[in-house]
Amino acid sequence: MVQGKEKQQIASRLKRIEGQVRGILRMVDEDRYCMDILAQTRSIASALRSVEDIIMENHLNTCVKHAFESSDPREKQEKIDEVMTLFSQYRRGL
């Protein structure tokens, strides 16, 4: 669960991304140059990756850390499996 400073950072970035998406919609409606639109979509993709980074760091520092501090080997393995699945998805570009 994301809380505190990280939650505020994520909310702020997502609101900015929301504004960028609206801006792209306007650009499409105004028949703007394709390359300009693509530049904006790349910017949004980058901004979303930064949100993912914050969430992943939070997950590692909270949920994963908690699992590894516990004495439950099943809980530890679940977290390892989660992280490995995510890494695998990133390598495939999902």
Protein backbone atom coordinates (compact mmCIF):
# COMPACT_ATOMS: atom_id res chain seq x y z
CA MET A 1 0.00 0.00 0.00
CA VAL A 2 1.36 3.41 -0.97
CA GLN A 3 1.20 6.06 1.72
CA GLY A 4 2.69 9.38 2.74
CA LYS A 5 5.16 11.23 0.54
CA GLU A 6 5.11 8.56 -2.17
CA LYS A 7 1.32 8.71 -2.44
CA GLN A 8 1.49 12.49 -2.89
CA GLN A 9 4.23 12.15 -5.53
CA ILE A 10 2.22 9.58 -7.45
CA ALA A 11 -0.98 11.63 -7.31
CA SER A 12 0.85 14.75 -8.47
CA ARG A 13 2.51 12.94 -11.38
CA LEU A 14 -0.71 11.23 -12.43
CA LYS A 15 -2.57 14.55 -12.46
CA ARG A 16 0.18 15.99 -14.66
CA ILE A 17 -0.09 12.96 -16.96
CA GLU A 18 -3.86 13.40 -17.07
CA GLY A 19 -3.33 16.97 -18.28
CA GLN A 20 -0.84 15.79 -20.89
CA VAL A 21 -3.36 13.23 -22.20
CA ARG A 22 -5.98 15.97 -22.52
CA GLY A 23 -3.41 18.04 -24.37
CA ILE A 24 -2.78 15.22 -26.83
CA LEU A 25 -6.50 14.86 -27.41
CA ARG A 26 -6.66 18.57 -28.25
CA MET A 27 -3.70 18.16 -30.59
CA VAL A 28 -5.49 15.33 -32.40
CA ASP A 29 -8.71 17.34 -32.58
CA GLU A 30 -6.72 20.28 -34.02
CA ASP A 31 -5.04 18.03 -36.62
CA ARG A 32 -1.57 18.82 -35.30
CA TYR A 33 1.57 17.39 -36.85
CA CYS A 34 1.97 13.67 -36.11
CA MET A 35 5.56 13.98 -34.91
CA ASP A 36 4.51 16.60 -32.34
CA ILE A 37 1.81 14.27 -31.06
CA LEU A 38 4.26 11.37 -30.88
CA ALA A 39 6.69 13.50 -28.89
CA GLN A 40 3.95 14.08 -26.34
CA THR A 41 3.00 10.41 -26.15
CA ARG A 42 6.67 9.54 -25.47
CA SER A 43 6.68 12.12 -22.70
CA ILE A 44 3.63 10.49 -21.13
CA ALA A 45 5.17 7.03 -21.41
CA SER A 46 8.28 8.31 -19.63
CA ALA A 47 6.18 9.94 -16.92
CA LEU A 48 4.28 6.68 -16.36
CA ARG A 49 7.57 4.81 -16.03
CA SER A 50 8.60 7.22 -13.30
CA VAL A 51 5.32 6.50 -11.48
CA GLU A 52 6.04 2.79 -11.82
CA ASP A 53 9.49 3.35 -10.32
CA ILE A 54 8.01 5.06 -7.27
CA ILE A 55 5.45 2.31 -6.79
CA MET A 56 8.04 -0.46 -7.21
CA GLU A 57 10.44 1.16 -4.76
CA ASN A 58 7.60 1.52 -2.28
CA HIS A 59 6.63 -2.13 -2.78
CA LEU A 60 10.20 -3.30 -2.20
CA ASN A 61 10.60 -1.11 0.89
CA THR A 62 7.30 -2.18 2.43
CA CYS A 63 5.65 -5.39 1.23
CA VAL A 64 8.80 -7.23 0.16
CA LYS A 65 10.78 -6.06 3.16
CA HIS A 66 7.98 -7.20 5.48
CA ALA A 67 7.86 -10.60 3.79
CA PHE A 68 11.60 -11.09 4.19
CA GLU A 69 11.50 -10.04 7.82
CA SER A 70 8.78 -12.60 8.52
CA SER A 71 9.46 -16.22 9.35
CA ASP A 72 7.00 -17.46 6.71
CA PRO A 73 8.93 -18.99 3.79
CA ARG A 74 5.75 -19.07 1.68
CA GLU A 75 5.31 -15.32 2.03
CA LYS A 76 8.95 -14.76 1.02
CA GLN A 77 8.55 -16.96 -2.04
CA GLU A 78 5.34 -15.16 -3.06
CA LYS A 79 7.18 -11.84 -3.09
CA ILE A 80 10.11 -13.29 -5.03
CA ASP A 81 7.65 -14.70 -7.56
CA GLU A 82 5.87 -11.33 -7.87
CA VAL A 83 9.08 -9.44 -8.53
CA MET A 84 10.37 -12.06 -10.97
CA THR A 85 7.07 -11.98 -12.88
CA LEU A 86 7.31 -8.22 -13.14
CA PHE A 87 10.93 -8.36 -14.33
CA SER A 88 9.93 -10.94 -16.92
CA GLN A 89 7.12 -8.71 -18.17
CA TYR A 90 9.52 -5.76 -18.50
CA ARG A 91 11.97 -7.84 -20.50
CA ARG A 92 9.15 -8.73 -22.89
CA GLY A 93 8.18 -5.08 -23.12
CA LEU A 94 4.74 -5.41 -21.50
